[in-house]
Amino acid sequence: MTDNKKLTDRFFVTALFLFGLYYYCFRILGFDLSRTPGDYGDSRFINYILEHGVKWLRGQDPDFWRANFMYPLKDNVAISDCMAGALPIYALFRFMGINTETSYQLWWLSTCILNFWCCYFAFKRLSFNSFLSAIAAYAFAFGLNTLNQFPHLQFNYKFLIPVATAALYLFLNQPRSKYLLVLMLAVIFQFYASAYLGLMLIYFLTAFTIIYLLNKHHRHQFFHALNKKTLLQSAGILTAGFALLLLVALPYHRMAEGMGYRDYQREMIPYLPRIYSYFFVNGSTVSWPMLTESPLKQGPSWYLHDMFPGLFCYLGLLFFAIYVLRQIVLKKRVAHLPMTLFVISLLFILLSSKSESDFSLFQYFRVLPGLGSMRLTSRFMIIAVFFLLWLDLYFLQQMELRKGRLLFYSLLALLVITDNLFTPDPSVLSISEKKIREERVQAAIAHIVKSNAAHKKIIACINVKHEPEPFMQLDVMLACQKLNLYTLNGYSSGCIDELCGAYDDPTHERLSLWLKKYNIPESDVLFITNEMEQ
């Protein structure tokens, strides 16, 4: 490649990245970092969990799996994603002396940057040129698929999906232990950050391996290239990786047993995607306003069904259909890689979706490890997007022109940008004011300090103002975290024993039962209400 071509490539990639950084990240955060992605519930819970991890690293919290909320519940961090894999990024900013709110903003910004560059280099390793790799990375990092999961910021930590997938493909083609090591580390860190996404990634990669090796040529090439040294190294890497996964999986397993597994009819069927889900998008879209209305809005929790990733992601499916018809007409063989990518996409759509009569094949597969606790199978789209983009690039690379290639890729980049336009309006996108987030916690701290003349170590707050419970719970949790106190308050998508409906009762009868269950004297607890100035 000549110096001029290298310079053109680098300029194109850098310009596209910087535009995405501005258009997606800084329009949300503001250049003054005055706004934070996420609301006053889920977003602050992720912040809380990350901060708990920092306190554990500093030795201030002795048990990583036991934070100070829902005291004295064991393994309470396993109620949601433990964020251990994402902790190093956040901890870096905290150890630099940056406060919790700003560190959280910078953590999110860092994940956006990593999503782009890890996807870019993954596609480069998969033998795509710089232009196509950058265009796909833009769609992966800054596209509508990311906005669809915007209220749940733990799923923005997804840059290890491209890394793991590319490493697996390279290992299947050249079985070297270095590829398997990268694969295992990527899966482990993804699982440690979000068990939900990590588990889905494992099933995607397993399916890819099986389908890819069904091809006789690839299977023969793979096993022929294996040698005794690689086999021994691979066995060691897989064994160590499995042990490291168990370190996180076991607390989740204990929590699932304690809370009970998801009831298929009541807790899973309503959230399984329908065909409409794949053409339903976050309301912040500018490109596809016609897809913000859907029959899904007639049901509960309809906002969890927005799965449309933009037209560009679906182009590969169209390209594949045209390609297969062409091969049939010409009586030529269908290449196995696009066939594998297409089958995987179709497979997970079939297994994770339901019909109008609520029938789903998922009911037969939920016996597999971890799937019995998986309420939102729609999140598989986070991983599927990478496979769809890979299918896109496979066919687009065949169209490369000898002349006018810069114009071609510039128009393609413009198409992808236009396909993913959105508004950062907080009324349609989950964004909160950083100042208000900080003020809420400071008000809760002041209220607790003023009320706690006896210096009790356990706090319980009753929601007499009937605020949205997630907001109230997080105010108390974050305040107690900063004060190094325990609290009976807690935030979870599930309901735990006596804590169910306990925080709206001024007599705190259910909270008293909770304390009695754990032999904690009620006199050790400071009971307060949320009648405080915000």
Protein backbone atom coordinates (compact mmCIF):
# COMPACT_ATOMS: atom_id res chain seq x y z
CA MET A 1 0.00 0.00 0.00
CA THR A 2 1.41 3.39 -0.98
CA ASP A 3 1.91 6.18 1.55
CA ASN A 4 -0.96 8.17 -0.02
CA LYS A 5 -3.35 5.23 0.30
CA LYS A 6 -2.29 4.66 3.92
CA LEU A 7 -2.86 8.34 4.69
CA THR A 8 -6.29 8.23 3.02
CA ASP A 9 -7.24 5.12 4.98
CA ARG A 10 -6.16 6.62 8.29
CA PHE A 11 -7.92 9.90 7.61
CA PHE A 12 -11.17 8.09 6.70
CA VAL A 13 -11.08 5.87 9.79
CA THR A 14 -10.13 8.68 12.17
CA ALA A 15 -12.71 11.10 10.74
CA LEU A 16 -15.50 8.52 11.05
CA PHE A 17 -14.49 7.72 14.62
CA LEU A 18 -14.30 11.37 15.67
CA PHE A 19 -17.67 12.10 14.10
CA GLY A 20 -19.22 9.17 16.01
CA LEU A 21 -17.54 10.32 19.22
CA TYR A 22 -19.04 13.78 18.82
CA TYR A 23 -22.42 12.78 17.41
CA TYR A 24 -23.15 9.89 19.77
CA CYS A 25 -21.13 10.55 22.92
CA PHE A 26 -20.64 14.28 23.43
CA ARG A 27 -24.12 15.25 22.27
CA ILE A 28 -25.31 13.05 25.14
CA LEU A 29 -22.71 14.01 27.76
CA GLY A 30 -22.14 17.60 26.69
CA PHE A 31 -18.55 18.82 26.35
CA ASP A 32 -18.85 20.07 29.93
CA LEU A 33 -19.97 16.58 31.07
CA SER A 34 -23.13 18.08 32.53
CA ARG A 35 -25.30 15.09 31.61
CA THR A 36 -25.00 11.39 32.34
CA PRO A 37 -26.31 8.51 30.21
CA GLY A 38 -29.09 6.64 31.99
CA ASP A 39 -31.84 7.57 34.42
CA TYR A 40 -31.88 7.91 38.21
CA GLY A 41 -32.50 4.16 38.63
CA ASP A 42 -30.60 1.57 36.57
CA SER A 43 -27.77 3.93 35.66
CA ARG A 44 -27.03 4.84 39.25
CA PHE A 45 -27.23 1.18 40.27
CA ILE A 46 -24.44 0.37 37.81
CA ASN A 47 -22.49 3.32 39.24
CA TYR A 48 -23.11 1.95 42.73
CA ILE A 49 -21.85 -1.54 41.79
CA LEU A 50 -18.73 -0.13 40.14
CA GLU A 51 -18.02 2.01 43.20
CA HIS A 52 -18.50 -1.03 45.45
CA GLY A 53 -15.84 -2.76 43.37
CA VAL A 54 -13.44 0.14 43.93
CA LYS A 55 -14.09 0.06 47.67
CA TRP A 56 -13.36 -3.68 47.60
CA LEU A 57 -10.08 -3.08 45.73
CA ARG A 58 -9.13 -0.52 48.37
CA GLY A 59 -9.95 -2.97 51.16
CA GLN A 60 -12.86 -0.88 52.45
CA ASP A 61 -15.42 -3.60 51.64
CA PRO A 62 -14.16 -7.05 52.67
CA ASP A 63 -16.43 -9.15 50.42
CA PHE A 64 -16.85 -8.38 46.71
CA TRP A 65 -20.11 -10.34 46.48
CA ARG A 66 -21.69 -8.67 49.50
CA ALA A 67 -22.37 -4.96 49.18
CA ASN A 68 -24.03 -2.85 51.87
CA PHE A 69 -27.63 -2.93 50.50
CA MET A 70 -30.46 -5.31 51.48
CA TYR A 71 -28.41 -6.00 54.61
CA PRO A 72 -27.48 -8.73 55.54
CA LEU A 73 -28.31 -10.61 52.30
CA LYS A 74 -25.39 -12.69 51.03
CA ASP A 75 -24.19 -12.54 47.42
CA ASN A 76 -26.44 -9.53 46.82
CA VAL A 77 -24.11 -8.22 44.09
CA ALA A 78 -25.22 -11.27 42.04
CA ILE A 79 -28.75 -9.84 41.93
CA SER A 80 -27.61 -8.01 38.82
CA ASP A 81 -24.45 -7.78 36.71
CA CYS A 82 -21.46 -7.65 39.05
CA MET A 83 -19.45 -5.48 36.59
CA ALA A 84 -16.15 -7.06 37.69
CA GLY A 85 -14.87 -7.21 34.11
CA ALA A 86 -15.70 -3.53 33.61
CA LEU A 87 -14.23 -2.49 36.96
CA PRO A 88 -10.62 -1.83 35.80
CA ILE A 89 -11.70 1.03 33.52
CA TYR A 90 -13.80 2.74 36.19
CA ALA A 91 -11.21 2.06 38.90
CA LEU A 92 -8.52 3.74 36.79
CA PHE A 93 -10.40 7.05 36.93
CA ARG A 94 -11.23 6.69 40.62
CA PHE A 95 -7.60 5.97 41.52
CA MET A 96 -6.69 9.13 39.61
CA GLY A 97 -8.78 11.03 42.19
CA ILE A 98 -11.78 11.73 39.93
CA ASN A 99 -15.16 11.69 41.72
CA THR A 100 -17.72 8.91 41.32
CA GLU A 101 -20.09 10.68 38.91
CA THR A 102 -17.38 11.92 36.55
CA SER A 103 -15.59 8.55 36.67
CA TYR A 104 -18.85 6.91 35.65
CA GLN A 105 -19.23 9.27 32.69
CA LEU A 106 -15.64 8.64 31.63
CA TRP A 107 -16.16 4.89 32.06
CA TRP A 108 -19.12 5.02 29.65
CA LEU A 109 -17.18 7.20 27.22
CA SER A 110 -14.28 4.73 27.34
CA THR A 111 -16.57 1.80 26.52
CA CYS A 112 -17.90 3.68 23.49
CA ILE A 113 -14.35 4.28 22.27
CA LEU A 114 -13.37 0.66 22.86
CA ASN A 115 -16.53 -0.58 21.11
CA PHE A 116 -15.42 1.23 17.96
CA TRP A 117 -11.75 0.34 17.94
CA CYS A 118 -12.10 -3.29 19.06
CA CYS A 119 -14.73 -3.85 16.37
CA TYR A 120 -12.53 -2.09 13.81
CA PHE A 121 -9.43 -4.16 14.57
CA ALA A 122 -11.48 -7.37 14.79
CA PHE A 123 -12.75 -6.88 11.24
CA LYS A 124 -9.25 -5.95 10.12
CA ARG A 125 -8.03 -9.29 11.51
CA LEU A 126 -10.88 -10.94 9.62
CA SER A 127 -9.24 -9.59 6.42
CA PHE A 128 -11.51 -6.65 5.67
CA ASN A 129 -10.08 -3.35 4.49
CA SER A 130 -9.87 -0.24 6.65
CA PHE A 131 -12.89 1.45 5.05
CA LEU A 132 -15.31 -1.44 5.59
CA SER A 133 -13.96 -2.17 9.07
CA ALA A 134 -14.46 1.45 10.15
CA ILE A 135 -17.98 1.62 8.68
CA ALA A 136 -19.02 -1.56 10.49
CA ALA A 137 -17.35 -0.34 13.70
CA TYR A 138 -19.40 2.88 13.51
CA ALA A 139 -22.63 0.87 13.21
CA PHE A 140 -21.57 -1.39 16.09
CA ALA A 141 -20.46 1.37 18.47
CA PHE A 142 -22.71 4.31 17.57
CA GLY A 143 -25.69 2.70 15.87
CA LEU A 144 -29.35 2.23 16.74
CA ASN A 145 -28.56 -1.18 18.22
CA THR A 146 -26.70 0.64 21.01
CA LEU A 147 -29.52 3.11 21.57
CA ASN A 148 -32.00 0.24 21.94
CA GLN A 149 -30.13 -0.90 25.07
CA PHE A 150 -29.36 2.61 26.28
CA PRO A 151 -31.35 2.40 29.55
CA HIS A 152 -29.17 -0.59 30.55
CA LEU A 153 -25.66 0.80 30.35
CA GLN A 154 -23.94 -2.41 31.47
CA PHE A 155 -24.63 -3.67 27.94
CA ASN A 156 -22.61 -0.83 26.45
CA TYR A 157 -19.60 -2.83 27.63
CA LYS A 158 -19.58 -5.05 24.53
CA PHE A 159 -16.23 -4.47 22.85
CA LEU A 160 -15.08 -7.97 23.78
CA ILE A 161 -17.74 -9.51 21.52
CA PRO A 162 -15.80 -8.65 18.33
CA VAL A 163 -12.52 -9.66 20.00
CA ALA A 164 -13.82 -13.07 21.08
CA THR A 165 -15.53 -13.79 17.76
CA ALA A 166 -12.51 -12.85 15.65
CA ALA A 167 -10.21 -14.89 17.91
CA LEU A 168 -12.47 -17.93 17.56
CA TYR A 169 -12.54 -17.65 13.76
CA LEU A 170 -8.76 -17.32 13.63
CA PHE A 171 -8.37 -20.32 15.95
CA LEU A 172 -10.67 -22.47 13.82
CA ASN A 173 -8.61 -21.63 10.76
CA GLN A 174 -5.20 -21.71 12.42
CA PRO A 175 -5.46 -23.56 15.75
CA ARG A 176 -2.81 -21.71 17.69
CA SER A 177 -2.97 -21.40 21.45
CA LYS A 178 -2.49 -17.61 21.32
CA TYR A 179 -5.85 -17.24 19.56
CA LEU A 180 -7.54 -19.49 22.11
CA LEU A 181 -5.99 -17.50 24.95
CA VAL A 182 -7.34 -14.22 23.53
CA LEU A 183 -10.73 -15.88 23.02
CA MET A 184 -10.84 -17.18 26.59
CA LEU A 185 -9.76 -13.87 28.14
CA ALA A 186 -12.35 -11.95 26.09
CA VAL A 187 -15.15 -14.32 27.12
CA ILE A 188 -14.09 -14.23 30.78
CA PHE A 189 -13.95 -10.45 30.97
CA GLN A 190 -17.29 -10.15 29.13
CA PHE A 191 -18.85 -12.66 31.52
CA TYR A 192 -17.32 -10.89 34.52
CA ALA A 193 -18.74 -7.57 33.33
CA SER A 194 -22.19 -8.90 32.44
CA ALA A 195 -23.06 -12.53 33.07
CA TYR A 196 -26.15 -12.06 30.92
CA LEU A 197 -24.18 -10.94 27.87
CA GLY A 198 -21.27 -13.27 28.60
CA LEU A 199 -23.56 -16.29 28.69
CA MET A 200 -25.20 -15.32 25.41
CA LEU A 201 -21.77 -14.85 23.86
CA ILE A 202 -20.73 -18.35 24.93
CA TYR A 203 -23.81 -19.86 23.25
CA PHE A 204 -23.25 -17.81 20.08
CA LEU A 205 -19.63 -18.90 19.85
CA THR A 206 -20.53 -22.52 20.55
CA ALA A 207 -23.13 -22.44 17.77
CA PHE A 208 -20.63 -20.80 15.41
CA THR A 209 -18.03 -23.49 16.12
CA ILE A 210 -20.45 -26.36 15.55
CA ILE A 211 -21.92 -24.95 12.34
CA TYR A 212 -18.57 -23.87 10.94
CA LEU A 213 -16.99 -27.28 11.53
CA LEU A 214 -19.90 -29.09 9.92
CA ASN A 215 -18.14 -28.25 6.69
CA LYS A 216 -15.89 -31.18 5.82
CA HIS A 217 -13.09 -29.01 4.44
CA HIS A 218 -12.93 -26.71 7.48
CA ARG A 219 -13.20 -29.66 9.86
CA HIS A 220 -10.37 -31.53 8.13
CA GLN A 221 -8.20 -28.41 8.01
CA PHE A 222 -8.76 -27.70 11.71
CA PHE A 223 -7.99 -31.17 13.05
CA HIS A 224 -5.10 -31.66 10.62
CA ALA A 225 -3.44 -28.48 11.92
CA LEU A 226 -3.73 -29.52 15.57
CA ASN A 227 -0.65 -30.99 17.18
CA LYS A 228 0.10 -32.45 20.58
CA LYS A 229 1.62 -29.23 21.94
CA THR A 230 -1.36 -27.12 20.85
CA LEU A 231 -3.79 -29.69 22.27
CA LEU A 232 -2.09 -29.64 25.68
CA GLN A 233 -1.92 -25.84 25.74
CA SER A 234 -5.55 -25.58 24.64
CA ALA A 235 -6.66 -28.03 27.32
CA GLY A 236 -4.86 -25.94 29.94
CA ILE A 237 -6.34 -22.68 28.68
CA LEU A 238 -9.87 -24.12 28.58
CA THR A 239 -9.54 -25.65 32.05
CA ALA A 240 -8.24 -22.42 33.58
CA GLY A 241 -10.91 -20.42 31.74
CA PHE A 242 -13.68 -22.69 32.97
CA ALA A 243 -12.44 -22.38 36.55
CA LEU A 244 -12.37 -18.57 36.28
CA LEU A 245 -15.90 -18.56 34.87
CA LEU A 246 -17.06 -20.69 37.81
CA LEU A 247 -15.80 -18.04 40.25
CA VAL A 248 -18.51 -15.72 38.94
CA ALA A 249 -21.08 -18.32 37.92
CA LEU A 250 -21.39 -19.90 41.39
CA PRO A 251 -22.60 -16.75 43.22
CA TYR A 252 -25.14 -16.22 40.43
CA HIS A 253 -26.23 -19.82 40.78
CA ARG A 254 -26.67 -19.44 44.54
CA MET A 255 -28.67 -16.25 44.07
CA ALA A 256 -30.86 -17.88 41.41
CA GLU A 257 -31.57 -20.80 43.74
CA GLY A 258 -32.43 -18.41 46.57
CA MET A 259 -34.71 -16.20 44.49
CA GLY A 260 -36.09 -19.03 42.37
CA TYR A 261 -35.74 -19.50 38.63
CA ARG A 262 -37.85 -17.52 36.19
CA ASP A 263 -41.37 -18.76 35.66
CA TYR A 264 -41.63 -19.39 31.92
CA GLN A 265 -45.26 -18.36 31.45
CA ARG A 266 -45.29 -15.34 33.76
CA GLU A 267 -41.75 -13.93 33.59
CA MET A 268 -40.36 -15.04 30.23
CA ILE A 269 -43.13 -15.39 27.63
CA PRO A 270 -44.15 -11.69 27.81
CA TYR A 271 -40.59 -10.59 27.00
CA LEU A 272 -39.78 -12.96 24.14
CA PRO A 273 -39.48 -11.04 20.85
CA ARG A 274 -42.10 -11.20 18.12
CA ILE A 275 -41.52 -10.44 14.47
CA TYR A 276 -42.50 -6.82 15.21
CA SER A 277 -39.60 -6.56 17.64
CA TYR A 278 -37.04 -6.77 14.86
CA PHE A 279 -38.61 -3.68 13.25
CA PHE A 280 -39.24 -1.67 16.41
CA VAL A 281 -36.73 0.98 17.47
CA ASN A 282 -35.89 3.32 20.33
CA GLY A 283 -38.02 6.47 20.21
CA SER A 284 -34.94 8.70 19.92
CA THR A 285 -34.40 7.71 16.27
CA VAL A 286 -34.50 10.39 13.61
CA SER A 287 -33.87 8.00 10.74
CA TRP A 288 -36.78 5.62 11.37
CA PRO A 289 -39.65 7.47 13.12
CA MET A 290 -42.19 5.23 11.37
CA LEU A 291 -40.81 2.24 13.32
CA THR A 292 -41.32 3.81 16.74
CA GLU A 293 -44.99 2.83 16.64
CA SER A 294 -45.70 -0.87 16.95
CA PRO A 295 -48.38 -3.37 18.07
CA LEU A 296 -45.92 -4.18 20.85
CA LYS A 297 -46.89 -0.94 22.61
CA GLN A 298 -50.18 -2.58 23.53
CA GLY A 299 -48.39 -4.95 25.88
CA PRO A 300 -46.45 -4.52 29.14
CA SER A 301 -42.79 -3.49 29.11
CA TRP A 302 -42.99 -2.83 25.38
CA TYR A 303 -39.81 -0.71 25.56
CA LEU A 304 -37.79 -3.90 26.10
CA HIS A 305 -38.65 -5.08 22.59
CA ASP A 306 -36.92 -2.40 20.51
CA MET A 307 -34.54 -4.54 18.45
CA PHE A 308 -34.28 -2.83 15.04
CA PRO A 309 -30.51 -2.30 14.54
CA GLY A 310 -30.75 -0.12 11.44
CA LEU A 311 -31.17 -1.12 7.82
CA PHE A 312 -27.43 -1.54 7.25
CA CYS A 313 -27.28 -4.48 9.65
CA TYR A 314 -30.06 -6.25 7.74
CA LEU A 315 -28.50 -5.70 4.31
CA GLY A 316 -26.36 -8.80 4.73
CA LEU A 317 -29.49 -10.96 4.91
CA LEU A 318 -30.70 -9.48 1.63
CA PHE A 319 -27.26 -9.87 0.05
CA PHE A 320 -27.19 -13.50 1.17
CA ALA A 321 -30.60 -14.26 -0.35
CA ILE A 322 -29.53 -12.73 -3.70
CA TYR A 323 -26.21 -14.56 -3.52
CA VAL A 324 -27.82 -17.97 -2.89
CA LEU A 325 -30.25 -17.50 -5.78
CA ARG A 326 -27.35 -16.56 -8.03
CA GLN A 327 -25.33 -19.60 -6.99
CA ILE A 328 -28.31 -21.88 -7.60
CA VAL A 329 -28.86 -20.44 -11.09
CA LEU A 330 -25.16 -20.78 -11.90
CA LYS A 331 -25.06 -24.22 -10.24
CA LYS A 332 -22.19 -23.16 -8.01
CA ARG A 333 -21.39 -23.99 -4.40
CA VAL A 334 -22.54 -21.63 -1.61
CA ALA A 335 -19.53 -20.51 0.45
CA HIS A 336 -19.62 -21.86 3.98
CA LEU A 337 -18.75 -18.69 5.93
CA PRO A 338 -21.76 -16.59 4.83
CA MET A 339 -23.91 -19.70 5.22
CA THR A 340 -22.65 -20.08 8.81
CA LEU A 341 -23.31 -16.41 9.64
CA PHE A 342 -26.79 -16.57 8.12
CA VAL A 343 -27.73 -19.81 9.91
CA ILE A 344 -26.56 -18.45 13.27
CA SER A 345 -28.65 -15.30 12.83
CA LEU A 346 -31.69 -17.33 11.84
CA LEU A 347 -31.10 -19.89 14.58
CA PHE A 348 -31.16 -17.39 17.41
CA ILE A 349 -34.17 -15.60 15.96
CA LEU A 350 -36.07 -18.90 15.86
CA LEU A 351 -34.96 -20.03 19.32
CA SER A 352 -35.49 -16.71 21.07
CA SER A 353 -38.76 -15.50 19.52
CA LYS A 354 -42.41 -16.40 19.93
CA SER A 355 -45.43 -16.60 17.66
CA GLU A 356 -48.70 -14.74 18.00
CA SER A 357 -49.96 -17.69 20.07
CA ASP A 358 -46.96 -17.33 22.43
CA PHE A 359 -45.35 -20.55 21.20
CA SER A 360 -41.56 -20.50 21.30
CA LEU A 361 -38.84 -23.08 20.80
CA PHE A 362 -37.01 -21.37 23.65
CA GLN A 363 -39.00 -23.40 26.16
CA TYR A 364 -37.11 -26.51 25.03
CA PHE A 365 -33.68 -24.90 25.34
CA ARG A 366 -34.06 -23.08 28.64
CA VAL A 367 -32.88 -26.25 30.42
CA LEU A 368 -29.36 -25.36 29.27
CA PRO A 369 -27.13 -23.77 31.95
CA GLY A 370 -28.11 -20.19 32.73
CA LEU A 371 -31.03 -19.94 30.30
CA GLY A 372 -33.59 -20.72 33.01
CA SER A 373 -32.76 -17.35 34.61
CA MET A 374 -32.73 -15.40 31.35
CA ARG A 375 -35.77 -13.13 31.24
CA LEU A 376 -34.88 -10.95 28.26
CA THR A 377 -33.75 -13.03 25.31
CA SER A 378 -34.15 -9.92 23.14
CA ARG A 379 -30.68 -8.87 24.28
CA PHE A 380 -29.15 -11.52 22.07
CA MET A 381 -29.40 -8.83 19.37
CA ILE A 382 -26.38 -7.09 20.93
CA ILE A 383 -24.24 -10.03 19.83
CA ALA A 384 -26.18 -10.83 16.66
CA VAL A 385 -25.41 -7.35 15.32
CA PHE A 386 -21.72 -8.23 15.00
CA PHE A 387 -22.56 -11.36 13.02
CA LEU A 388 -24.96 -9.38 10.81
CA LEU A 389 -22.27 -6.77 10.16
CA TRP A 390 -19.80 -9.52 9.32
CA LEU A 391 -22.28 -10.87 6.78
CA ASP A 392 -22.59 -7.35 5.35
CA LEU A 393 -18.87 -6.93 4.93
CA TYR A 394 -18.44 -10.34 3.33
CA PHE A 395 -20.57 -9.26 0.38
CA LEU A 396 -19.58 -5.59 0.30
CA GLN A 397 -15.93 -6.55 -0.06
CA GLN A 398 -16.86 -8.35 -3.30
CA MET A 399 -18.13 -5.04 -4.68
CA GLU A 400 -14.89 -3.14 -4.19
CA LEU A 401 -14.11 -0.91 -7.17
CA ARG A 402 -10.67 -0.30 -8.61
CA LYS A 403 -11.63 3.25 -9.48
CA GLY A 404 -13.69 5.56 -7.32
CA ARG A 405 -13.25 3.40 -4.19
CA LEU A 406 -12.97 6.46 -1.93
CA LEU A 407 -16.24 7.83 -3.31
CA PHE A 408 -17.89 4.42 -2.91
CA TYR A 409 -16.86 4.07 0.73
CA SER A 410 -17.69 7.70 1.49
CA LEU A 411 -21.22 7.15 0.19
CA LEU A 412 -21.43 3.92 2.19
CA ALA A 413 -20.30 5.73 5.34
CA LEU A 414 -22.89 8.45 4.69
CA LEU A 415 -25.54 5.73 4.34
CA VAL A 416 -24.57 4.22 7.69
CA ILE A 417 -24.51 7.61 9.43
CA THR A 418 -27.91 8.51 7.95
CA ASP A 419 -29.23 5.08 8.96
CA ASN A 420 -28.36 5.81 12.60
CA LEU A 421 -29.43 9.40 13.21
CA PHE A 422 -30.96 10.13 16.62
CA THR A 423 -31.82 12.93 18.99
CA PRO A 424 -30.26 13.13 22.49
CA ASP A 425 -33.48 14.61 23.87
CA PRO A 426 -33.88 13.38 27.50
CA SER A 427 -37.65 13.12 26.97
CA VAL A 428 -37.11 10.17 24.60
CA LEU A 429 -33.64 8.97 25.59
CA SER A 430 -32.63 7.97 29.10
CA ILE A 431 -30.36 10.84 30.15
CA SER A 432 -30.08 12.49 33.56
CA GLU A 433 -28.54 15.71 34.82
CA LYS A 434 -25.25 15.07 36.59
CA LYS A 435 -25.87 17.95 38.99
CA ILE A 436 -29.23 16.54 40.06
CA ARG A 437 -27.75 13.06 40.54
CA GLU A 438 -25.13 14.51 42.88
CA GLU A 439 -27.64 16.71 44.71
CA ARG A 440 -29.98 13.78 45.38
CA VAL A 441 -27.22 11.81 47.07
CA GLN A 442 -25.97 14.81 49.06
CA ALA A 443 -29.51 15.47 50.31
CA ALA A 444 -29.83 11.83 51.40
CA ILE A 445 -26.46 11.98 53.16
CA ALA A 446 -27.43 15.15 55.02
CA HIS A 447 -30.78 13.63 56.02
CA ILE A 448 -29.17 10.44 57.36
CA VAL A 449 -26.44 12.31 59.27
CA LYS A 450 -29.00 14.68 60.82
CA SER A 451 -31.26 11.79 61.88
CA ASN A 452 -28.51 9.47 63.13
CA ALA A 453 -27.61 11.02 66.48
CA ALA A 454 -27.13 7.53 67.90
CA HIS A 455 -24.56 6.68 65.18
CA LYS A 456 -26.30 3.47 64.18
CA LYS A 457 -24.68 1.41 61.43
CA ILE A 458 -27.85 0.14 59.74
CA ILE A 459 -30.31 2.45 57.96
CA ALA A 460 -33.82 1.74 56.68
CA CYS A 461 -35.76 4.35 54.72
CA ILE A 462 -39.54 4.24 54.23
CA ASN A 463 -40.95 5.69 51.04
CA VAL A 464 -43.72 7.83 52.53
CA LYS A 465 -43.52 10.28 49.59
CA HIS A 466 -44.28 7.45 47.18
CA GLU A 467 -41.47 8.40 44.86
CA PRO A 468 -40.50 5.99 42.06
CA GLU A 469 -38.95 3.22 44.12
CA PRO A 470 -35.73 2.85 42.08
CA PHE A 471 -34.94 6.53 42.60
CA MET A 472 -35.61 6.43 46.32
CA GLN A 473 -33.71 3.18 46.87
CA LEU A 474 -30.65 4.40 45.00
CA ASP A 475 -30.61 7.69 46.95
CA VAL A 476 -30.33 5.71 50.18
CA MET A 477 -27.94 3.07 48.81
CA LEU A 478 -25.50 5.63 47.38
CA ALA A 479 -25.67 7.78 50.50
CA CYS A 480 -24.98 4.82 52.79
CA GLN A 481 -22.15 3.70 50.52
CA LYS A 482 -20.45 7.07 50.93
CA LEU A 483 -21.09 7.04 54.69
CA ASN A 484 -19.83 3.42 55.05
CA LEU A 485 -23.17 2.35 56.52
CA TYR A 486 -25.42 -0.64 55.86
CA THR A 487 -28.98 -0.32 54.63
CA LEU A 488 -32.05 -2.52 54.39
CA ASN A 489 -32.97 -0.65 51.25
CA GLY A 490 -32.10 -2.16 47.92
CA TYR A 491 -32.87 -2.11 44.23
CA SER A 492 -33.53 -5.18 42.12
CA SER A 493 -35.64 -6.29 39.18
CA GLY A 494 -36.84 -9.18 41.33
CA CYS A 495 -38.66 -9.43 44.63
CA ILE A 496 -36.86 -10.92 47.63
CA ASP A 497 -38.80 -12.50 50.51
CA GLU A 498 -39.94 -10.06 53.22
CA LEU A 499 -38.53 -7.07 51.29
CA CYS A 500 -41.37 -7.35 48.75
CA GLY A 501 -43.54 -4.26 49.25
CA ALA A 502 -41.71 -3.46 52.47
CA TYR A 503 -40.60 0.09 51.76
CA ASP A 504 -44.01 1.75 51.46
CA ASP A 505 -45.22 0.62 54.91
CA PRO A 506 -44.81 3.29 57.65
CA THR A 507 -45.17 0.55 60.30
CA HIS A 508 -42.21 -1.26 58.68
CA GLU A 509 -43.82 -4.59 59.60
CA ARG A 510 -42.19 -6.54 56.75
CA LEU A 511 -38.80 -4.99 57.45
CA SER A 512 -39.16 -6.13 61.06
CA LEU A 513 -39.79 -9.68 59.84
CA TRP A 514 -36.69 -9.42 57.66
CA LEU A 515 -34.59 -8.38 60.68
CA LYS A 516 -36.05 -11.15 62.82
CA LYS A 517 -35.19 -13.69 60.12
CA TYR A 518 -31.52 -12.76 60.46
CA ASN A 519 -31.57 -12.26 64.26
CA ILE A 520 -30.81 -8.55 64.00
CA PRO A 521 -32.24 -6.47 66.89
CA GLU A 522 -34.59 -3.80 65.60
CA SER A 523 -32.98 -1.36 68.00
CA ASP A 524 -29.79 -1.56 65.90
CA VAL A 525 -31.56 0.01 62.92
CA LEU A 526 -32.28 3.67 62.27
CA PHE A 527 -35.70 3.93 60.61
CA ILE A 528 -36.22 7.15 58.65
CA THR A 529 -38.55 8.39 55.94
CA ASN A 530 -37.69 10.06 52.65
CA GLU A 531 -39.30 13.34 53.72
CA MET A 532 -36.18 15.33 53.00
CA GLU A 533 -35.30 18.25 50.79
CA GLN A 534 -34.03 17.31 47.34
